Amino acid sequence: MENEERIIRGFAPKDKRNRYVSFLSSAKRRRRLIDLLNHEFALDPRYSFKVPKESQNVAGIHAILTSKGAPKECYVMSNISDIDGKTMNLLEALEHVVGVETGSLISCIVEKLAYYESEDWGERYVLSK
């Protein structure tokens, strides 16, 4: 959970951080945070950049993340239970998430680089500091 707390503190706006982090106190409350990833999860606008339309696919997003220094392994928080809470290959994680239209946050470099996709079509963001 420490890793998840750092991810939240890195990319959530200041007024939401403590609330989101409090959801990590139990498995039941964490489920609420994961549910928020669908469409209510707030991002700090200073660090969130919408993925350009022409890059809104696995290859395009992977290229953007690797150009910013993403390693091969990442940590996933997702409404897709098969991958939630797992460390996995970045490309494989993107293949599970992109276009599925469910909330997911893929942390590439804790507090520095991540990818967020909501359940709303086209709501795909690279989070970068």
Protein backbone atom coordinates (compact mmCIF):
# COMPACT_ATOMS: atom_id res chain seq x y z
CA MET A 1 0.00 0.00 0.00
CA GLU A 2 2.91 2.36 0.50
CA ASN A 3 3.53 2.25 -3.25
CA GLU A 4 -0.14 3.05 -3.93
CA GLU A 5 -0.07 5.93 -1.47
CA ARG A 6 2.94 7.42 -3.24
CA ILE A 7 1.20 7.04 -6.61
CA ILE A 8 -1.88 8.88 -5.32
CA ARG A 9 0.16 11.61 -3.65
CA GLY A 10 2.14 12.08 -6.87
CA PHE A 11 -0.78 12.71 -9.21
CA ALA A 12 -3.97 13.58 -7.31
CA PRO A 13 -4.71 17.26 -6.68
CA LYS A 14 -3.83 18.52 -3.22
CA ASP A 15 -7.46 18.88 -2.13
CA LYS A 16 -8.19 15.19 -2.92
CA ARG A 17 -4.95 13.47 -1.79
CA ASN A 18 -5.79 12.79 1.85
CA ARG A 19 -9.27 11.53 0.98
CA TYR A 20 -7.93 9.18 -1.68
CA VAL A 21 -5.12 7.95 0.57
CA SER A 22 -7.62 7.26 3.36
CA PHE A 23 -9.30 4.75 1.04
CA LEU A 24 -6.16 2.62 1.22
CA SER A 25 -6.77 1.83 4.92
CA SER A 26 -8.72 -1.37 4.18
CA ALA A 27 -9.56 -3.67 1.28
CA LYS A 28 -13.20 -2.54 1.35
CA ARG A 29 -12.28 1.14 1.26
CA ARG A 30 -9.61 0.52 -1.39
CA ARG A 31 -12.41 -0.85 -3.59
CA ARG A 32 -14.02 2.63 -3.42
CA LEU A 33 -10.79 4.21 -4.67
CA ILE A 34 -10.58 1.69 -7.51
CA ASP A 35 -14.21 2.48 -8.40
CA LEU A 36 -13.31 6.18 -8.54
CA LEU A 37 -10.82 5.39 -11.30
CA ASN A 38 -13.77 4.81 -13.64
CA HIS A 39 -14.73 8.45 -14.06
CA GLU A 40 -14.52 10.47 -10.84
CA PHE A 41 -10.78 10.27 -10.15
CA ALA A 42 -9.32 13.76 -10.07
CA LEU A 43 -5.89 14.42 -11.56
CA ASP A 44 -3.53 17.26 -10.78
CA PRO A 45 -3.76 19.34 -13.98
CA ARG A 46 -0.12 20.37 -13.67
CA TYR A 47 0.98 16.80 -14.37
CA SER A 48 -1.78 15.32 -16.55
CA PHE A 49 -1.57 15.49 -20.32
CA LYS A 50 -4.26 14.11 -22.59
CA VAL A 51 -2.93 11.52 -25.02
CA PRO A 52 -3.14 12.94 -28.57
CA LYS A 53 -5.92 11.41 -30.65
CA GLU A 54 -3.49 9.79 -33.10
CA SER A 55 -1.63 8.09 -30.24
CA GLN A 56 -4.65 6.65 -28.40
CA ASN A 57 -3.66 3.05 -28.97
CA VAL A 58 -1.34 0.59 -27.26
CA ALA A 59 1.65 1.30 -29.50
CA GLY A 60 1.23 5.07 -29.34
CA ILE A 61 0.85 5.20 -25.56
CA HIS A 62 3.73 2.76 -25.07
CA ALA A 63 5.93 4.96 -27.28
CA ILE A 64 5.05 8.09 -25.28
CA LEU A 65 5.74 6.40 -21.93
CA THR A 66 9.02 4.82 -23.01
CA SER A 67 10.19 8.13 -24.50
CA LYS A 68 9.72 9.60 -21.02
CA GLY A 69 11.82 6.87 -19.43
CA ALA A 70 9.26 4.20 -18.51
CA PRO A 71 10.91 0.90 -17.60
CA LYS A 72 9.61 -2.49 -18.77
CA GLU A 73 7.84 -3.17 -15.45
CA CYS A 74 4.94 -1.19 -14.01
CA TYR A 75 2.43 -1.33 -11.17
CA VAL A 76 -1.29 -1.44 -11.95
CA MET A 77 -4.34 -0.19 -10.07
CA SER A 78 -7.42 -1.14 -12.06
CA ASN A 79 -11.07 -2.10 -12.15
CA ILE A 80 -9.86 -5.11 -14.13
CA SER A 81 -9.46 -7.54 -11.23
CA ASP A 82 -7.02 -9.83 -13.08
CA ILE A 83 -4.38 -7.11 -13.15
CA ASP A 84 -5.28 -4.91 -10.16
CA GLY A 85 -2.51 -4.61 -7.59
CA LYS A 86 0.05 -6.38 -9.76
CA THR A 87 3.50 -5.53 -11.04
CA MET A 88 3.69 -6.51 -14.68
CA ASN A 89 5.23 -5.82 -18.06
CA LEU A 90 4.23 -2.32 -19.24
CA LEU A 91 3.26 -3.40 -22.76
CA GLU A 92 1.17 -6.26 -21.39
CA ALA A 93 -0.56 -3.91 -18.93
CA LEU A 94 -1.38 -1.47 -21.72
CA GLU A 95 -2.79 -4.30 -23.83
CA HIS A 96 -5.16 -5.15 -20.97
CA VAL A 97 -6.22 -1.55 -20.33
CA VAL A 98 -6.25 0.56 -23.51
CA GLY A 99 -9.67 0.74 -25.09
CA VAL A 100 -11.39 -1.41 -22.47
CA GLU A 101 -13.11 1.70 -21.10
CA THR A 102 -12.69 0.93 -17.43
CA GLY A 103 -10.70 2.91 -14.89
CA SER A 104 -7.02 2.03 -14.62
CA LEU A 105 -3.87 3.72 -13.37
CA ILE A 106 -0.53 2.31 -14.48
CA SER A 107 2.47 3.56 -12.51
CA CYS A 108 5.70 3.44 -14.50
CA ILE A 109 7.93 5.46 -12.17
CA VAL A 110 6.37 6.07 -8.77
CA GLU A 111 5.40 9.74 -8.35
CA LYS A 112 7.04 10.60 -11.70
CA LEU A 113 5.36 8.83 -14.62
CA ALA A 114 2.05 7.04 -15.05
CA TYR A 115 -0.82 6.37 -17.43
CA TYR A 116 -4.49 6.84 -16.58
CA GLU A 117 -7.53 5.71 -18.51
CA SER A 118 -11.11 6.24 -17.38
CA GLU A 119 -14.20 4.41 -18.55
CA ASP A 120 -15.13 7.45 -20.65
CA TRP A 121 -13.96 6.95 -24.23
CA GLY A 122 -10.96 9.06 -25.09
CA GLU A 123 -10.15 9.96 -21.48
CA ARG A 124 -6.55 8.81 -21.61
CA TYR A 125 -3.76 10.70 -19.87
CA VAL A 126 -0.03 10.48 -19.44
CA LEU A 127 0.89 11.70 -15.97
CA SER A 128 4.37 13.13 -15.88
CA LYS A 129 6.52 15.25 -13.58
